[in-house]
Amino acid sequence: MADMNDVAAAIAEDEHPVVIKILRKDEEPYVGQDGQPSTISVLGDESKAVRLARDAATRRFLRRGNKKPSPEELLESRIAQAAAGVVAWSGWESNGAPWECTAANVKTLLTADHILEQVEAGIRSHADFFARALPS
């Protein structure tokens, strides 16, 4: 029998960031000046921040009525939703200097489709990460 406390605990875990290593298109990790892999810390799909971004996107699309969104608008929505789940990063630089993890910089980085896809996957599979990390 499923226990509602287990469901609540699973949702609560989505508020705790998980660090994901970001890979280049050739499947090798991006590496910072310190030689360490570049990472992005993400919340889970059921975190408050991600849910708020998803709800905002839903409201925007509902206000449009029957007008279909353009591919650019859909991509912009994906980036905004993924960016809402990013809480920190390490190893990202611009012109040889550390690149601050701001909302604008996150959205800029997520315009790279291969990075956007990894962040989206990290947000979606957040619960799987915790399940693998916990002893059975």
N, C-alpha and C. Protein backbone atom coordinates (compact mmCIF):
# COMPACT_ATOMS: atom_id res chain seq x y z
N MET A 1 0.85 -1.17 0.00
CA MET A 1 0.00 0.00 0.00
C MET A 1 0.90 1.24 0.00
N ALA A 2 0.55 2.20 -0.80
CA ALA A 2 1.33 3.43 -0.90
C ALA A 2 1.03 4.34 0.28
N ASP A 3 2.07 4.86 0.86
CA ASP A 3 1.93 5.76 2.01
C ASP A 3 2.06 7.20 1.53
N MET A 4 1.12 8.04 1.89
CA MET A 4 1.14 9.45 1.47
C MET A 4 2.37 10.18 1.99
N ASN A 5 2.94 9.70 3.09
CA ASN A 5 4.17 10.30 3.59
C ASN A 5 5.31 10.10 2.61
N ASP A 6 5.31 8.95 1.92
CA ASP A 6 6.32 8.69 0.90
C ASP A 6 6.18 9.66 -0.27
N VAL A 7 4.93 9.94 -0.65
CA VAL A 7 4.67 10.88 -1.74
C VAL A 7 5.14 12.28 -1.34
N ALA A 8 4.79 12.69 -0.13
CA ALA A 8 5.20 14.02 0.35
C ALA A 8 6.72 14.12 0.44
N ALA A 9 7.37 13.05 0.87
CA ALA A 9 8.84 13.06 0.96
C ALA A 9 9.47 13.16 -0.42
N ALA A 10 8.89 12.47 -1.39
CA ALA A 10 9.42 12.53 -2.76
C ALA A 10 9.30 13.94 -3.33
N ILE A 11 8.18 14.59 -3.07
CA ILE A 11 7.99 15.97 -3.53
C ILE A 11 8.97 16.90 -2.83
N ALA A 12 9.17 16.70 -1.53
CA ALA A 12 10.09 17.54 -0.77
C ALA A 12 11.53 17.40 -1.28
N GLU A 13 11.91 16.21 -1.74
CA GLU A 13 13.26 16.01 -2.27
C GLU A 13 13.52 16.89 -3.49
N ASP A 14 12.47 17.22 -4.24
CA ASP A 14 12.65 18.05 -5.43
C ASP A 14 13.10 19.46 -5.09
N GLU A 15 13.00 19.86 -3.82
CA GLU A 15 13.48 21.18 -3.40
C GLU A 15 14.98 21.19 -3.11
N HIS A 16 15.60 20.02 -3.09
CA HIS A 16 17.03 19.91 -2.83
C HIS A 16 17.77 19.76 -4.16
N PRO A 17 18.75 20.63 -4.42
CA PRO A 17 19.44 20.58 -5.71
C PRO A 17 20.27 19.31 -5.90
N VAL A 18 20.33 18.90 -7.14
CA VAL A 18 21.18 17.81 -7.58
C VAL A 18 22.20 18.41 -8.55
N VAL A 19 23.45 18.03 -8.40
CA VAL A 19 24.51 18.54 -9.27
C VAL A 19 24.66 17.60 -10.46
N ILE A 20 24.58 18.18 -11.67
CA ILE A 20 24.78 17.37 -12.87
C ILE A 20 25.99 17.89 -13.64
N LYS A 21 26.81 16.96 -14.12
CA LYS A 21 27.94 17.32 -14.98
C LYS A 21 27.40 17.52 -16.38
N ILE A 22 27.81 18.61 -17.00
CA ILE A 22 27.31 18.92 -18.34
C ILE A 22 28.33 18.47 -19.38
N LEU A 23 27.84 17.73 -20.36
CA LEU A 23 28.69 17.19 -21.41
C LEU A 23 28.62 18.02 -22.67
N ARG A 24 29.75 18.06 -23.37
CA ARG A 24 29.78 18.71 -24.68
C ARG A 24 29.07 17.79 -25.67
N LYS A 25 28.94 18.26 -26.89
CA LYS A 25 28.28 17.43 -27.91
C LYS A 25 29.03 16.13 -28.17
N ASP A 26 30.35 16.13 -27.95
CA ASP A 26 31.14 14.92 -28.18
C ASP A 26 31.14 13.97 -26.98
N GLU A 27 30.24 14.25 -26.01
CA GLU A 27 30.05 13.41 -24.81
C GLU A 27 31.18 13.56 -23.78
N GLU A 28 32.12 14.46 -24.02
CA GLU A 28 33.16 14.75 -23.03
C GLU A 28 32.65 15.88 -22.15
N PRO A 29 33.06 15.91 -20.88
CA PRO A 29 32.56 16.98 -20.00
C PRO A 29 33.18 18.33 -20.35
N TYR A 30 32.38 19.38 -20.17
CA TYR A 30 32.96 20.72 -20.18
C TYR A 30 33.84 20.80 -18.94
N VAL A 31 34.96 21.50 -19.04
CA VAL A 31 35.89 21.59 -17.93
C VAL A 31 36.24 23.05 -17.68
N GLY A 32 36.22 23.46 -16.41
CA GLY A 32 36.58 24.82 -16.03
C GLY A 32 38.09 25.00 -15.98
N GLN A 33 38.52 26.22 -15.72
CA GLN A 33 39.95 26.53 -15.65
C GLN A 33 40.66 25.72 -14.58
N ASP A 34 39.93 25.31 -13.55
CA ASP A 34 40.53 24.54 -12.47
C ASP A 34 40.66 23.06 -12.81
N GLY A 35 40.24 22.68 -14.01
CA GLY A 35 40.34 21.29 -14.44
C GLY A 35 39.18 20.42 -14.01
N GLN A 36 38.26 20.98 -13.25
CA GLN A 36 37.10 20.24 -12.78
C GLN A 36 35.96 20.33 -13.78
N PRO A 37 35.12 19.29 -13.85
CA PRO A 37 33.98 19.35 -14.77
C PRO A 37 33.05 20.52 -14.44
N SER A 38 32.52 21.13 -15.47
CA SER A 38 31.52 22.19 -15.29
C SER A 38 30.20 21.53 -14.91
N THR A 39 29.54 22.08 -13.91
CA THR A 39 28.31 21.49 -13.40
C THR A 39 27.20 22.52 -13.32
N ILE A 40 25.99 22.01 -13.25
CA ILE A 40 24.81 22.84 -13.01
C ILE A 40 23.98 22.12 -11.95
N SER A 41 23.57 22.86 -10.92
CA SER A 41 22.74 22.31 -9.85
C SER A 41 21.28 22.63 -10.14
N VAL A 42 20.45 21.59 -10.15
CA VAL A 42 19.04 21.78 -10.51
C VAL A 42 18.11 21.24 -9.43
N LEU A 43 16.95 21.87 -9.36
CA LEU A 43 15.86 21.39 -8.52
C LEU A 43 15.07 20.37 -9.33
N GLY A 44 14.16 19.68 -8.67
CA GLY A 44 13.34 18.69 -9.35
C GLY A 44 12.09 19.28 -9.98
N ASP A 45 11.44 18.45 -10.77
CA ASP A 45 10.25 18.82 -11.54
C ASP A 45 9.10 19.29 -10.66
N GLU A 46 9.03 18.78 -9.44
CA GLU A 46 7.93 19.16 -8.55
C GLU A 46 8.33 20.23 -7.53
N SER A 47 9.49 20.85 -7.74
CA SER A 47 9.89 21.95 -6.86
C SER A 47 8.98 23.15 -7.11
N LYS A 48 8.90 24.01 -6.12
CA LYS A 48 8.03 25.17 -6.24
C LYS A 48 8.45 26.06 -7.41
N ALA A 49 9.75 26.31 -7.57
CA ALA A 49 10.22 27.19 -8.64
C ALA A 49 9.88 26.65 -10.02
N VAL A 50 10.09 25.36 -10.23
CA VAL A 50 9.80 24.76 -11.54
C VAL A 50 8.30 24.74 -11.80
N ARG A 51 7.52 24.41 -10.77
CA ARG A 51 6.06 24.41 -10.95
C ARG A 51 5.53 25.80 -11.27
N LEU A 52 6.06 26.83 -10.61
CA LEU A 52 5.63 28.21 -10.90
C LEU A 52 5.94 28.59 -12.34
N ALA A 53 7.13 28.23 -12.82
CA ALA A 53 7.49 28.54 -14.21
C ALA A 53 6.60 27.77 -15.19
N ARG A 54 6.32 26.52 -14.88
CA ARG A 54 5.46 25.71 -15.75
C ARG A 54 4.04 26.28 -15.77
N ASP A 55 3.54 26.68 -14.60
CA ASP A 55 2.20 27.27 -14.53
C ASP A 55 2.14 28.60 -15.29
N ALA A 56 3.19 29.40 -15.19
CA ALA A 56 3.23 30.68 -15.92
C ALA A 56 3.19 30.43 -17.43
N ALA A 57 3.93 29.42 -17.89
CA ALA A 57 3.92 29.09 -19.31
C ALA A 57 2.54 28.62 -19.75
N THR A 58 1.90 27.81 -18.93
CA THR A 58 0.55 27.33 -19.24
C THR A 58 -0.41 28.49 -19.36
N ARG A 59 -0.34 29.42 -18.41
CA ARG A 59 -1.23 30.60 -18.46
C ARG A 59 -0.98 31.43 -19.72
N ARG A 60 0.29 31.62 -20.08
CA ARG A 60 0.61 32.38 -21.30
C ARG A 60 0.00 31.72 -22.53
N PHE A 61 0.13 30.41 -22.63
CA PHE A 61 -0.40 29.71 -23.80
C PHE A 61 -1.92 29.68 -23.80
N LEU A 62 -2.54 29.60 -22.63
CA LEU A 62 -4.00 29.62 -22.57
C LEU A 62 -4.57 30.98 -22.97
N ARG A 63 -3.86 32.05 -22.61
CA ARG A 63 -4.32 33.39 -22.99
C ARG A 63 -4.29 33.60 -24.50
N ARG A 64 -3.52 32.82 -25.19
CA ARG A 64 -3.39 32.95 -26.64
C ARG A 64 -4.63 32.46 -27.37
N GLY A 65 -5.44 31.70 -26.68
CA GLY A 65 -6.63 31.15 -27.34
C GLY A 65 -6.22 30.10 -28.36
N ASN A 66 -6.78 30.19 -29.56
CA ASN A 66 -6.51 29.21 -30.61
C ASN A 66 -5.23 29.48 -31.39
N LYS A 67 -4.57 30.60 -31.13
CA LYS A 67 -3.34 30.94 -31.86
C LYS A 67 -2.20 30.02 -31.41
N LYS A 68 -1.64 29.29 -32.35
CA LYS A 68 -0.57 28.35 -32.03
C LYS A 68 0.73 29.11 -31.78
N PRO A 69 1.51 28.64 -30.80
CA PRO A 69 2.80 29.28 -30.54
C PRO A 69 3.80 28.94 -31.65
N SER A 70 4.71 29.85 -31.89
CA SER A 70 5.76 29.61 -32.88
C SER A 70 6.83 28.70 -32.27
N PRO A 71 7.67 28.09 -33.10
CA PRO A 71 8.77 27.29 -32.56
C PRO A 71 9.67 28.11 -31.63
N GLU A 72 9.87 29.37 -31.97
CA GLU A 72 10.71 30.24 -31.13
C GLU A 72 10.07 30.45 -29.76
N GLU A 73 8.75 30.63 -29.73
CA GLU A 73 8.05 30.82 -28.46
C GLU A 73 8.09 29.55 -27.62
N LEU A 74 7.97 28.40 -28.26
CA LEU A 74 8.06 27.14 -27.53
C LEU A 74 9.45 26.96 -26.93
N LEU A 75 10.49 27.29 -27.71
CA LEU A 75 11.86 27.18 -27.21
C LEU A 75 12.08 28.15 -26.05
N GLU A 76 11.59 29.36 -26.18
CA GLU A 76 11.70 30.36 -25.11
C GLU A 76 11.02 29.85 -23.84
N SER A 77 9.89 29.19 -23.98
CA SER A 77 9.18 28.64 -22.83
C SER A 77 9.98 27.51 -22.19
N ARG A 78 10.56 26.64 -23.00
CA ARG A 78 11.40 25.55 -22.47
C ARG A 78 12.57 26.12 -21.68
N ILE A 79 13.23 27.14 -22.25
CA ILE A 79 14.38 27.74 -21.59
C ILE A 79 13.97 28.37 -20.26
N ALA A 80 12.85 29.09 -20.25
CA ALA A 80 12.39 29.74 -19.01
C ALA A 80 12.07 28.70 -17.93
N GLN A 81 11.44 27.60 -18.33
CA GLN A 81 11.10 26.56 -17.35
C GLN A 81 12.35 25.87 -16.82
N ALA A 82 13.30 25.56 -17.70
CA ALA A 82 14.54 24.92 -17.26
C ALA A 82 15.35 25.88 -16.39
N ALA A 83 15.40 27.14 -16.78
CA ALA A 83 16.16 28.14 -16.01
C ALA A 83 15.61 28.26 -14.59
N ALA A 84 14.31 28.09 -14.43
CA ALA A 84 13.71 28.19 -13.10
C ALA A 84 14.23 27.10 -12.17
N GLY A 85 14.66 25.99 -12.72
CA GLY A 85 15.18 24.89 -11.91
C GLY A 85 16.66 24.98 -11.61
N VAL A 86 17.37 25.91 -12.24
CA VAL A 86 18.82 26.05 -12.03
C VAL A 86 19.05 26.95 -10.81
N VAL A 87 19.78 26.43 -9.83
CA VAL A 87 20.04 27.21 -8.61
C VAL A 87 21.51 27.58 -8.43
N ALA A 88 22.40 26.90 -9.14
CA ALA A 88 23.83 27.19 -9.01
C ALA A 88 24.57 26.50 -10.15
N TRP A 89 25.82 26.92 -10.33
CA TRP A 89 26.69 26.20 -11.26
C TRP A 89 28.13 26.43 -10.87
N SER A 90 29.01 25.64 -11.46
CA SER A 90 30.44 25.83 -11.26
C SER A 90 31.16 25.49 -12.55
N GLY A 91 32.30 26.14 -12.74
CA GLY A 91 33.14 25.84 -13.90
C GLY A 91 32.76 26.55 -15.18
N TRP A 92 31.86 27.51 -15.12
CA TRP A 92 31.46 28.25 -16.33
C TRP A 92 32.16 29.60 -16.31
N GLU A 93 32.79 29.93 -17.43
CA GLU A 93 33.57 31.15 -17.53
C GLU A 93 33.23 31.91 -18.79
N SER A 94 33.54 33.19 -18.76
CA SER A 94 33.38 34.04 -19.94
C SER A 94 34.62 34.92 -20.03
N ASN A 95 35.31 34.85 -21.14
CA ASN A 95 36.54 35.63 -21.35
C ASN A 95 37.56 35.37 -20.23
N GLY A 96 37.66 34.13 -19.79
CA GLY A 96 38.64 33.74 -18.79
C GLY A 96 38.28 34.06 -17.35
N ALA A 97 37.11 34.65 -17.13
CA ALA A 97 36.68 34.99 -15.77
C ALA A 97 35.46 34.15 -15.40
N PRO A 98 35.29 33.84 -14.10
CA PRO A 98 34.09 33.09 -13.70
C PRO A 98 32.82 33.80 -14.18
N TRP A 99 31.89 33.00 -14.67
CA TRP A 99 30.63 33.52 -15.19
C TRP A 99 29.58 33.32 -14.11
N GLU A 100 29.06 34.41 -13.60
CA GLU A 100 28.11 34.37 -12.49
C GLU A 100 26.81 33.66 -12.90
N CYS A 101 26.27 32.90 -11.97
CA CYS A 101 25.01 32.18 -12.21
C CYS A 101 23.84 33.12 -11.94
N THR A 102 23.50 33.94 -12.93
CA THR A 102 22.34 34.83 -12.84
C THR A 102 21.25 34.30 -13.76
N ALA A 103 20.04 34.78 -13.57
CA ALA A 103 18.93 34.33 -14.43
C ALA A 103 19.24 34.59 -15.90
N ALA A 104 19.78 35.77 -16.21
CA ALA A 104 20.09 36.10 -17.60
C ALA A 104 21.18 35.20 -18.16
N ASN A 105 22.24 34.94 -17.37
CA ASN A 105 23.32 34.08 -17.84
C ASN A 105 22.85 32.64 -18.01
N VAL A 106 22.00 32.18 -17.10
CA VAL A 106 21.46 30.82 -17.22
C VAL A 106 20.69 30.69 -18.53
N LYS A 107 19.83 31.65 -18.80
CA LYS A 107 19.04 31.60 -20.04
C LYS A 107 19.94 31.65 -21.27
N THR A 108 21.02 32.43 -21.20
CA THR A 108 21.97 32.49 -22.32
C THR A 108 22.61 31.13 -22.53
N LEU A 109 23.07 30.49 -21.45
CA LEU A 109 23.70 29.18 -21.56
C LEU A 109 22.72 28.14 -22.11
N LEU A 110 21.46 28.24 -21.69
CA LEU A 110 20.47 27.25 -22.11
C LEU A 110 20.02 27.43 -23.56
N THR A 111 20.50 28.44 -24.25
CA THR A 111 20.19 28.54 -25.68
C THR A 111 20.96 27.49 -26.47
N ALA A 112 21.97 26.88 -25.85
CA ALA A 112 22.67 25.74 -26.47
C ALA A 112 21.80 24.52 -26.24
N ASP A 113 21.24 23.98 -27.30
CA ASP A 113 20.25 22.91 -27.18
C ASP A 113 20.78 21.70 -26.42
N HIS A 114 22.05 21.32 -26.65
CA HIS A 114 22.56 20.13 -25.96
C HIS A 114 22.68 20.37 -24.45
N ILE A 115 22.86 21.60 -24.04
CA ILE A 115 22.90 21.91 -22.60
C ILE A 115 21.47 21.98 -22.06
N LEU A 116 20.57 22.62 -22.80
CA LEU A 116 19.17 22.69 -22.39
C LEU A 116 18.61 21.28 -22.17
N GLU A 117 18.88 20.37 -23.09
CA GLU A 117 18.36 19.01 -22.97
C GLU A 117 18.89 18.31 -21.72
N GLN A 118 20.16 18.53 -21.39
CA GLN A 118 20.73 17.89 -20.19
C GLN A 118 20.12 18.47 -18.91
N VAL A 119 19.90 19.78 -18.89
CA VAL A 119 19.29 20.41 -17.72
C VAL A 119 17.84 19.93 -17.56
N GLU A 120 17.09 19.88 -18.67
CA GLU A 120 15.71 19.37 -18.60
C GLU A 120 15.69 17.94 -18.09
N ALA A 121 16.62 17.11 -18.58
CA ALA A 121 16.68 15.71 -18.14
C ALA A 121 17.03 15.64 -16.65
N GLY A 122 17.94 16.50 -16.19
CA GLY A 122 18.30 16.53 -14.78
C GLY A 122 17.12 16.91 -13.90
N ILE A 123 16.33 17.87 -14.36
CA ILE A 123 15.15 18.29 -13.61
C ILE A 123 14.13 17.15 -13.56
N ARG A 124 13.91 16.50 -14.72
CA ARG A 124 12.92 15.40 -14.78
C ARG A 124 13.37 14.19 -13.97
N SER A 125 14.64 13.85 -14.04
CA SER A 125 15.12 12.61 -13.40
C SER A 125 15.65 12.85 -12.00
N HIS A 126 15.36 13.99 -11.44
CA HIS A 126 15.81 14.37 -10.10
C HIS A 126 15.49 13.29 -9.08
N ALA A 127 14.28 12.79 -9.08
CA ALA A 127 13.88 11.76 -8.12
C ALA A 127 14.69 10.48 -8.32
N ASP A 128 15.02 10.15 -9.56
CA ASP A 128 15.82 8.97 -9.84
C ASP A 128 17.20 9.10 -9.22
N PHE A 129 17.76 10.32 -9.27
CA PHE A 129 19.08 10.54 -8.69
C PHE A 129 19.06 10.23 -7.20
N PHE A 130 18.05 10.73 -6.49
CA PHE A 130 17.97 10.48 -5.06
C PHE A 130 17.73 9.00 -4.78
N ALA A 131 16.95 8.34 -5.60
CA ALA A 131 16.70 6.91 -5.39
C ALA A 131 18.00 6.11 -5.54
N ARG A 132 18.84 6.49 -6.51
CA ARG A 132 20.12 5.80 -6.70
C ARG A 132 21.10 6.14 -5.57
N ALA A 133 21.00 7.35 -5.03
CA ALA A 133 21.95 7.80 -4.01
C ALA A 133 21.63 7.22 -2.63
N LEU A 134 20.39 6.86 -2.40
CA LEU A 134 19.99 6.35 -1.09
C LEU A 134 20.27 4.85 -0.99
N PRO A 135 20.75 4.39 0.17
CA PRO A 135 20.96 2.95 0.34
C PRO A 135 19.62 2.22 0.37
N SER A 136 19.62 0.98 -0.16
CA SER A 136 18.36 0.23 -0.17
C SER A 136 18.15 -0.49 1.13
